[in-house]
Amino acid sequence: MKLSDLIEEYIREVIEENEIAMLNRSELAMRFNCVPSQINYVISTRFIPELGFYVESRRGGGGYIKISKVNVEEAGYISDIIEKIGQNLSQSVIDVYLNDFIRYNILDPKTADLIRVAVSDKSLAKVDKIQRDSIRADIFKNIIVNLI
């Protein structure tokens, strides 16, 4: 399991236990033996509003990160995601979305895997790299809208 996955799993466990995670960036970095920017990366890519999280951050000596799960109706949640995807979407960001869709029982794992394959770099190999993320975003949005 990658370090980013371990950090994400830890934060999710804290949120589940306490409904809110109050974290210190440097303490977390020490706990996982990484630099604070690794913590920032995990939070900025895996705990985003589009996935139903609210993040409050204050930097400095007594700085903290407060992460809470927002209760969002499934349809509104998906609608918000579709709106916020924009014109480009990388394969790694789609993986984050699909993992969350599985976690929150929006999609079953088999369907998520089929979507993952459909929008993978391998499936889009004949598409020019400059256009790949744009086409991937269009395909992903269309699949999600039609499935849900």
N, C-alpha and C. Protein backbone atom coordinates (compact mmCIF):
# COMPACT_ATOMS: atom_id res chain seq x y z
N MET A 1 0.85 -1.18 0.00
CA MET A 1 0.00 0.00 0.00
C MET A 1 0.90 1.25 0.00
N LYS A 2 0.54 2.23 -0.83
CA LYS A 2 1.33 3.44 -0.94
C LYS A 2 1.16 4.31 0.31
N LEU A 3 2.16 5.14 0.55
CA LEU A 3 2.13 6.04 1.70
C LEU A 3 0.89 6.93 1.67
N SER A 4 0.55 7.46 0.50
CA SER A 4 -0.63 8.32 0.39
C SER A 4 -1.89 7.57 0.81
N ASP A 5 -1.97 6.30 0.44
CA ASP A 5 -3.13 5.49 0.83
C ASP A 5 -3.19 5.28 2.34
N LEU A 6 -2.02 5.06 2.95
CA LEU A 6 -1.97 4.87 4.41
C LEU A 6 -2.39 6.14 5.14
N ILE A 7 -1.92 7.28 4.66
CA ILE A 7 -2.29 8.55 5.28
C ILE A 7 -3.79 8.78 5.14
N GLU A 8 -4.32 8.54 3.94
CA GLU A 8 -5.75 8.70 3.70
C GLU A 8 -6.56 7.79 4.62
N GLU A 9 -6.14 6.54 4.72
CA GLU A 9 -6.86 5.57 5.55
C GLU A 9 -6.87 6.03 7.01
N TYR A 10 -5.74 6.51 7.50
CA TYR A 10 -5.66 6.99 8.88
C TYR A 10 -6.62 8.16 9.11
N ILE A 11 -6.62 9.13 8.20
CA ILE A 11 -7.48 10.30 8.35
C ILE A 11 -8.95 9.88 8.30
N ARG A 12 -9.30 8.98 7.41
CA ARG A 12 -10.69 8.50 7.32
C ARG A 12 -11.12 7.80 8.61
N GLU A 13 -10.21 7.03 9.22
CA GLU A 13 -10.52 6.36 10.48
C GLU A 13 -10.78 7.39 11.58
N VAL A 14 -9.97 8.44 11.62
CA VAL A 14 -10.16 9.49 12.62
C VAL A 14 -11.52 10.17 12.42
N ILE A 15 -11.86 10.44 11.15
CA ILE A 15 -13.15 11.08 10.85
C ILE A 15 -14.31 10.16 11.27
N GLU A 16 -14.20 8.87 10.99
CA GLU A 16 -15.26 7.93 11.36
C GLU A 16 -15.45 7.84 12.86
N GLU A 17 -14.35 7.86 13.61
CA GLU A 17 -14.42 7.76 15.06
C GLU A 17 -14.95 9.03 15.71
N ASN A 18 -14.56 10.18 15.18
CA ASN A 18 -14.85 11.45 15.85
C ASN A 18 -15.75 12.40 15.06
N GLU A 19 -16.14 12.00 13.87
CA GLU A 19 -16.92 12.82 12.94
C GLU A 19 -16.13 14.00 12.37
N ILE A 20 -15.08 14.41 13.04
CA ILE A 20 -14.21 15.49 12.58
C ILE A 20 -12.77 15.07 12.89
N ALA A 21 -11.87 15.34 11.97
CA ALA A 21 -10.45 15.08 12.22
C ALA A 21 -9.76 16.41 12.45
N MET A 22 -9.20 16.59 13.63
CA MET A 22 -8.39 17.77 13.95
C MET A 22 -6.95 17.28 13.94
N LEU A 23 -6.19 17.69 12.94
CA LEU A 23 -4.86 17.16 12.73
C LEU A 23 -3.81 18.25 12.71
N ASN A 24 -2.62 17.91 13.15
CA ASN A 24 -1.48 18.80 13.05
C ASN A 24 -0.60 18.24 11.93
N ARG A 25 -0.34 19.07 10.93
CA ARG A 25 0.40 18.65 9.74
C ARG A 25 1.76 18.04 10.11
N SER A 26 2.52 18.71 10.98
CA SER A 26 3.85 18.20 11.30
C SER A 26 3.79 16.91 12.12
N GLU A 27 2.82 16.80 13.01
CA GLU A 27 2.68 15.56 13.77
C GLU A 27 2.34 14.40 12.85
N LEU A 28 1.47 14.64 11.90
CA LEU A 28 1.12 13.60 10.93
C LEU A 28 2.34 13.21 10.10
N ALA A 29 3.11 14.21 9.68
CA ALA A 29 4.32 13.94 8.89
C ALA A 29 5.30 13.09 9.70
N MET A 30 5.45 13.40 10.99
CA MET A 30 6.34 12.60 11.83
C MET A 30 5.79 11.18 11.98
N ARG A 31 4.50 11.06 12.17
CA ARG A 31 3.87 9.74 12.35
C ARG A 31 4.11 8.84 11.13
N PHE A 32 4.05 9.43 9.92
CA PHE A 32 4.22 8.65 8.70
C PHE A 32 5.61 8.79 8.08
N ASN A 33 6.50 9.45 8.82
CA ASN A 33 7.88 9.62 8.37
C ASN A 33 7.95 10.18 6.95
N CYS A 34 7.29 11.32 6.78
CA CYS A 34 7.27 11.97 5.47
C CYS A 34 7.36 13.49 5.67
N VAL A 35 7.40 14.21 4.59
CA VAL A 35 7.42 15.66 4.67
C VAL A 35 5.98 16.19 4.75
N PRO A 36 5.78 17.35 5.38
CA PRO A 36 4.42 17.90 5.48
C PRO A 36 3.73 18.10 4.13
N SER A 37 4.50 18.33 3.08
CA SER A 37 3.87 18.51 1.76
C SER A 37 3.17 17.23 1.29
N GLN A 38 3.62 16.06 1.76
CA GLN A 38 2.95 14.80 1.43
C GLN A 38 1.56 14.78 2.06
N ILE A 39 1.45 15.29 3.28
CA ILE A 39 0.16 15.40 3.96
C ILE A 39 -0.74 16.35 3.18
N ASN A 40 -0.18 17.49 2.77
CA ASN A 40 -0.94 18.46 1.97
C ASN A 40 -1.46 17.82 0.69
N TYR A 41 -0.63 17.03 0.04
CA TYR A 41 -1.01 16.37 -1.21
C TYR A 41 -2.22 15.46 -0.98
N VAL A 42 -2.16 14.63 0.05
CA VAL A 42 -3.25 13.69 0.34
C VAL A 42 -4.53 14.47 0.61
N ILE A 43 -4.45 15.50 1.42
CA ILE A 43 -5.65 16.27 1.76
C ILE A 43 -6.20 16.99 0.53
N SER A 44 -5.34 17.57 -0.28
CA SER A 44 -5.83 18.35 -1.42
C SER A 44 -6.35 17.48 -2.57
N THR A 45 -6.03 16.20 -2.57
CA THR A 45 -6.51 15.34 -3.65
C THR A 45 -7.58 14.35 -3.20
N ARG A 46 -7.64 14.04 -1.91
CA ARG A 46 -8.55 12.98 -1.46
C ARG A 46 -9.62 13.43 -0.48
N PHE A 47 -9.50 14.66 -0.01
CA PHE A 47 -10.49 15.19 0.92
C PHE A 47 -11.00 16.52 0.37
N ILE A 48 -11.61 16.43 -0.79
CA ILE A 48 -12.05 17.63 -1.50
C ILE A 48 -13.57 17.76 -1.41
N PRO A 49 -14.08 18.96 -1.57
CA PRO A 49 -15.53 19.17 -1.48
C PRO A 49 -16.32 18.29 -2.45
N GLU A 50 -15.77 18.05 -3.63
CA GLU A 50 -16.46 17.22 -4.61
C GLU A 50 -16.70 15.81 -4.10
N LEU A 51 -15.90 15.39 -3.13
CA LEU A 51 -16.05 14.06 -2.56
C LEU A 51 -16.77 14.11 -1.21
N GLY A 52 -17.31 15.27 -0.87
CA GLY A 52 -18.12 15.39 0.34
C GLY A 52 -17.35 15.76 1.60
N PHE A 53 -16.21 16.43 1.45
CA PHE A 53 -15.43 16.82 2.62
C PHE A 53 -15.30 18.33 2.71
N TYR A 54 -15.24 18.80 3.95
CA TYR A 54 -14.98 20.21 4.20
C TYR A 54 -13.64 20.28 4.93
N VAL A 55 -12.69 21.04 4.39
CA VAL A 55 -11.36 21.14 4.98
C VAL A 55 -11.11 22.58 5.38
N GLU A 56 -10.69 22.75 6.61
CA GLU A 56 -10.32 24.05 7.14
C GLU A 56 -8.87 23.93 7.56
N SER A 57 -8.04 24.89 7.17
CA SER A 57 -6.62 24.77 7.45
C SER A 57 -6.07 26.08 7.95
N ARG A 58 -5.21 25.99 8.96
CA ARG A 58 -4.51 27.18 9.45
C ARG A 58 -3.04 26.80 9.59
N ARG A 59 -2.20 27.58 8.97
CA ARG A 59 -0.76 27.30 9.01
C ARG A 59 -0.10 28.04 10.16
N GLY A 60 1.14 27.68 10.41
CA GLY A 60 1.89 28.33 11.47
C GLY A 60 2.18 27.36 12.59
N GLY A 61 2.84 27.86 13.65
CA GLY A 61 3.25 27.03 14.78
C GLY A 61 2.13 26.23 15.39
N GLY A 62 0.98 26.86 15.62
CA GLY A 62 -0.15 26.15 16.20
C GLY A 62 -1.14 25.74 15.14
N GLY A 63 -0.68 25.64 13.92
CA GLY A 63 -1.58 25.34 12.80
C GLY A 63 -2.22 23.98 12.89
N TYR A 64 -3.33 23.84 12.25
CA TYR A 64 -4.07 22.59 12.27
C TYR A 64 -4.80 22.40 10.94
N ILE A 65 -5.29 21.20 10.77
CA ILE A 65 -6.15 20.88 9.64
C ILE A 65 -7.40 20.25 10.26
N LYS A 66 -8.54 20.78 9.91
CA LYS A 66 -9.81 20.24 10.39
C LYS A 66 -10.56 19.71 9.18
N ILE A 67 -10.89 18.42 9.21
CA ILE A 67 -11.58 17.79 8.08
C ILE A 67 -12.86 17.17 8.61
N SER A 68 -13.96 17.49 7.94
CA SER A 68 -15.23 16.88 8.33
C SER A 68 -15.95 16.39 7.09
N LYS A 69 -16.77 15.38 7.29
CA LYS A 69 -17.56 14.80 6.20
C LYS A 69 -18.87 15.56 6.15
N VAL A 70 -19.23 15.99 4.94
CA VAL A 70 -20.47 16.72 4.74
C VAL A 70 -21.52 15.73 4.28
N ASN A 71 -22.68 15.75 4.91
CA ASN A 71 -23.78 14.88 4.47
C ASN A 71 -24.40 15.49 3.22
N VAL A 72 -24.28 14.76 2.13
CA VAL A 72 -24.78 15.26 0.86
C VAL A 72 -25.69 14.20 0.25
N GLU A 73 -26.81 14.61 -0.27
CA GLU A 73 -27.71 13.69 -0.95
C GLU A 73 -26.99 13.13 -2.18
N GLU A 74 -27.14 11.84 -2.44
CA GLU A 74 -26.40 11.16 -3.51
C GLU A 74 -26.55 11.86 -4.85
N ALA A 75 -27.75 12.17 -5.25
CA ALA A 75 -27.96 12.80 -6.56
C ALA A 75 -27.28 14.15 -6.63
N GLY A 76 -27.42 14.94 -5.59
CA GLY A 76 -26.77 16.25 -5.56
C GLY A 76 -25.27 16.11 -5.56
N TYR A 77 -24.80 15.10 -4.86
CA TYR A 77 -23.37 14.81 -4.77
C TYR A 77 -22.81 14.52 -6.16
N ILE A 78 -23.47 13.63 -6.90
CA ILE A 78 -23.01 13.28 -8.24
C ILE A 78 -23.12 14.48 -9.17
N SER A 79 -24.21 15.21 -9.06
CA SER A 79 -24.40 16.41 -9.88
C SER A 79 -23.28 17.42 -9.65
N ASP A 80 -22.94 17.62 -8.38
CA ASP A 80 -21.84 18.54 -8.04
C ASP A 80 -20.52 18.06 -8.63
N ILE A 81 -20.28 16.77 -8.55
CA ILE A 81 -19.04 16.22 -9.09
C ILE A 81 -18.97 16.45 -10.60
N ILE A 82 -20.06 16.15 -11.29
CA ILE A 82 -20.09 16.31 -12.75
C ILE A 82 -19.81 17.77 -13.11
N GLU A 83 -20.41 18.70 -12.37
CA GLU A 83 -20.19 20.13 -12.63
C GLU A 83 -18.74 20.54 -12.40
N LYS A 84 -18.13 19.97 -11.36
CA LYS A 84 -16.80 20.42 -10.96
C LYS A 84 -15.66 19.69 -11.67
N ILE A 85 -15.98 18.64 -12.40
CA ILE A 85 -14.92 17.89 -13.09
C ILE A 85 -14.18 18.80 -14.07
N GLY A 86 -14.92 19.61 -14.76
CA GLY A 86 -14.29 20.50 -15.72
C GLY A 86 -13.97 19.81 -17.02
N GLN A 87 -13.02 20.35 -17.73
CA GLN A 87 -12.70 19.88 -19.07
C GLN A 87 -11.66 18.78 -19.12
N ASN A 88 -10.86 18.63 -18.06
CA ASN A 88 -9.77 17.66 -18.04
C ASN A 88 -9.80 16.84 -16.77
N LEU A 89 -9.43 15.57 -16.91
CA LEU A 89 -9.42 14.68 -15.75
C LEU A 89 -8.33 13.63 -15.93
N SER A 90 -7.43 13.56 -14.97
CA SER A 90 -6.36 12.56 -15.05
C SER A 90 -6.86 11.21 -14.55
N GLN A 91 -6.14 10.18 -14.90
CA GLN A 91 -6.51 8.83 -14.48
C GLN A 91 -6.44 8.72 -12.95
N SER A 92 -5.46 9.35 -12.32
CA SER A 92 -5.33 9.25 -10.87
C SER A 92 -6.50 9.92 -10.14
N VAL A 93 -7.01 11.02 -10.67
CA VAL A 93 -8.15 11.68 -10.05
C VAL A 93 -9.41 10.82 -10.22
N ILE A 94 -9.56 10.19 -11.37
CA ILE A 94 -10.70 9.29 -11.57
C ILE A 94 -10.63 8.14 -10.57
N ASP A 95 -9.44 7.62 -10.31
CA ASP A 95 -9.29 6.55 -9.32
C ASP A 95 -9.79 7.00 -7.95
N VAL A 96 -9.49 8.22 -7.58
CA VAL A 96 -9.96 8.75 -6.29
C VAL A 96 -11.49 8.79 -6.28
N TYR A 97 -12.09 9.33 -7.34
CA TYR A 97 -13.55 9.37 -7.42
C TYR A 97 -14.15 7.97 -7.33
N LEU A 98 -13.64 7.04 -8.12
CA LEU A 98 -14.20 5.70 -8.16
C LEU A 98 -14.06 4.99 -6.81
N ASN A 99 -12.92 5.17 -6.15
CA ASN A 99 -12.75 4.56 -4.83
C ASN A 99 -13.76 5.12 -3.83
N ASP A 100 -14.02 6.40 -3.92
CA ASP A 100 -15.03 6.99 -3.04
C ASP A 100 -16.43 6.53 -3.41
N PHE A 101 -16.72 6.39 -4.69
CA PHE A 101 -18.03 5.88 -5.11
C PHE A 101 -18.25 4.48 -4.55
N ILE A 102 -17.22 3.67 -4.53
CA ILE A 102 -17.32 2.32 -3.94
C ILE A 102 -17.52 2.44 -2.44
N ARG A 103 -16.69 3.23 -1.80
CA ARG A 103 -16.74 3.40 -0.34
C ARG A 103 -18.12 3.83 0.13
N TYR A 104 -18.79 4.69 -0.64
CA TYR A 104 -20.10 5.22 -0.23
C TYR A 104 -21.25 4.51 -0.93
N ASN A 105 -20.96 3.32 -1.47
CA ASN A 105 -21.99 2.47 -2.09
C ASN A 105 -22.76 3.14 -3.21
N ILE A 106 -22.10 4.01 -3.94
CA ILE A 106 -22.71 4.64 -5.11
C ILE A 106 -22.51 3.73 -6.31
N LEU A 107 -21.36 3.08 -6.36
CA LEU A 107 -21.07 2.08 -7.41
C LEU A 107 -20.55 0.81 -6.75
N ASP A 108 -20.78 -0.32 -7.39
CA ASP A 108 -20.18 -1.56 -6.90
C ASP A 108 -18.77 -1.66 -7.49
N PRO A 109 -17.90 -2.43 -6.86
CA PRO A 109 -16.51 -2.53 -7.32
C PRO A 109 -16.35 -2.97 -8.78
N LYS A 110 -17.19 -3.89 -9.23
CA LYS A 110 -17.06 -4.39 -10.61
C LYS A 110 -17.36 -3.27 -11.61
N THR A 111 -18.41 -2.50 -11.36
CA THR A 111 -18.75 -1.39 -12.25
C THR A 111 -17.64 -0.34 -12.24
N ALA A 112 -17.12 -0.05 -11.05
CA ALA A 112 -16.03 0.92 -10.95
C ALA A 112 -14.80 0.45 -11.73
N ASP A 113 -14.51 -0.85 -11.66
CA ASP A 113 -13.37 -1.39 -12.41
C ASP A 113 -13.58 -1.27 -13.91
N LEU A 114 -14.82 -1.51 -14.37
CA LEU A 114 -15.11 -1.36 -15.80
C LEU A 114 -14.93 0.09 -16.26
N ILE A 115 -15.38 1.02 -15.43
CA ILE A 115 -15.19 2.45 -15.76
C ILE A 115 -13.71 2.78 -15.78
N ARG A 116 -12.98 2.27 -14.79
CA ARG A 116 -11.54 2.52 -14.70
C ARG A 116 -10.83 2.05 -15.98
N VAL A 117 -11.21 0.88 -16.47
CA VAL A 117 -10.62 0.35 -17.70
C VAL A 117 -11.01 1.21 -18.90
N ALA A 118 -12.27 1.61 -18.95
CA ALA A 118 -12.76 2.39 -20.10
C ALA A 118 -12.04 3.73 -20.25
N VAL A 119 -11.63 4.32 -19.13
CA VAL A 119 -10.99 5.65 -19.21
C VAL A 119 -9.49 5.59 -18.93
N SER A 120 -8.93 4.39 -18.94
CA SER A 120 -7.51 4.23 -18.64
C SER A 120 -6.62 4.77 -19.76
N ASP A 121 -5.37 5.03 -19.43
CA ASP A 121 -4.41 5.46 -20.43
C ASP A 121 -4.25 4.39 -21.51
N LYS A 122 -4.35 3.13 -21.11
CA LYS A 122 -4.23 2.04 -22.08
C LYS A 122 -5.38 2.09 -23.10
N SER A 123 -6.60 2.30 -22.61
CA SER A 123 -7.76 2.38 -23.52
C SER A 123 -7.69 3.61 -24.42
N LEU A 124 -7.10 4.65 -23.93
CA LEU A 124 -7.01 5.91 -24.69
C LEU A 124 -5.63 6.10 -25.33
N ALA A 125 -4.90 5.02 -25.48
CA ALA A 125 -3.53 5.09 -26.00
C ALA A 125 -3.43 5.72 -27.39
N LYS A 126 -4.45 5.54 -28.22
CA LYS A 126 -4.41 6.08 -29.58
C LYS A 126 -4.80 7.55 -29.64
N VAL A 127 -5.24 8.08 -28.51
CA VAL A 127 -5.61 9.49 -28.43
C VAL A 127 -4.34 10.29 -28.09
N ASP A 128 -4.17 11.39 -28.77
CA ASP A 128 -3.03 12.27 -28.51
C ASP A 128 -2.98 12.63 -27.03
N LYS A 129 -1.79 12.56 -26.42
CA LYS A 129 -1.64 12.82 -24.98
C LYS A 129 -2.17 14.20 -24.57
N ILE A 130 -2.09 15.15 -25.45
CA ILE A 130 -2.57 16.51 -25.14
C ILE A 130 -4.08 16.51 -24.95
N GLN A 131 -4.79 15.68 -25.69
CA GLN A 131 -6.25 15.63 -25.63
C GLN A 131 -6.79 14.54 -24.70
N ARG A 132 -5.92 13.66 -24.24
CA ARG A 132 -6.36 12.48 -23.48
C ARG A 132 -7.18 12.83 -22.24
N ASP A 133 -6.73 13.77 -21.43
CA ASP A 133 -7.45 14.10 -20.19
C ASP A 133 -8.80 14.74 -20.48
N SER A 134 -8.89 15.45 -21.59
CA SER A 134 -10.16 16.07 -21.98
C SER A 134 -11.16 15.00 -22.41
N ILE A 135 -10.72 14.07 -23.22
CA ILE A 135 -11.59 12.99 -23.68
C ILE A 135 -11.97 12.09 -22.51
N ARG A 136 -11.00 11.84 -21.62
CA ARG A 136 -11.26 11.02 -20.43
C ARG A 136 -12.36 11.66 -19.57
N ALA A 137 -12.30 12.97 -19.39
CA ALA A 137 -13.32 13.69 -18.61
C ALA A 137 -14.70 13.54 -19.24
N ASP A 138 -14.77 13.70 -20.56
CA ASP A 138 -16.06 13.56 -21.25
C ASP A 138 -16.63 12.15 -21.10
N ILE A 139 -15.80 11.15 -21.30
CA ILE A 139 -16.25 9.76 -21.18
C ILE A 139 -16.72 9.48 -19.75
N PHE A 140 -15.92 9.89 -18.77
CA PHE A 140 -16.25 9.64 -17.37
C PHE A 140 -17.58 10.30 -16.99
N LYS A 141 -17.75 11.56 -17.37
CA LYS A 141 -19.00 12.26 -17.06
C LYS A 141 -20.20 11.55 -17.69
N ASN A 142 -20.07 11.15 -18.95
CA ASN A 142 -21.18 10.47 -19.63
C ASN A 142 -21.52 9.13 -18.98
N ILE A 143 -20.51 8.38 -18.61
CA ILE A 143 -20.76 7.09 -17.95
C ILE A 143 -21.47 7.32 -16.61
N ILE A 144 -20.96 8.22 -15.81
CA ILE A 144 -21.54 8.46 -14.49
C ILE A 144 -22.98 8.95 -14.60
N VAL A 145 -23.24 9.89 -15.50
CA VAL A 145 -24.59 10.41 -15.68
C VAL A 145 -25.54 9.29 -16.08
N ASN A 146 -25.10 8.41 -16.95
CA ASN A 146 -25.98 7.33 -17.42
C ASN A 146 -26.14 6.19 -16.44
N LEU A 147 -25.16 5.97 -15.59
CA LEU A 147 -25.27 4.90 -14.60
C LEU A 147 -26.08 5.30 -13.38
N ILE A 148 -25.97 6.56 -13.02
CA ILE A 148 -26.57 7.01 -11.76
C ILE A 148 -27.68 7.94 -12.05
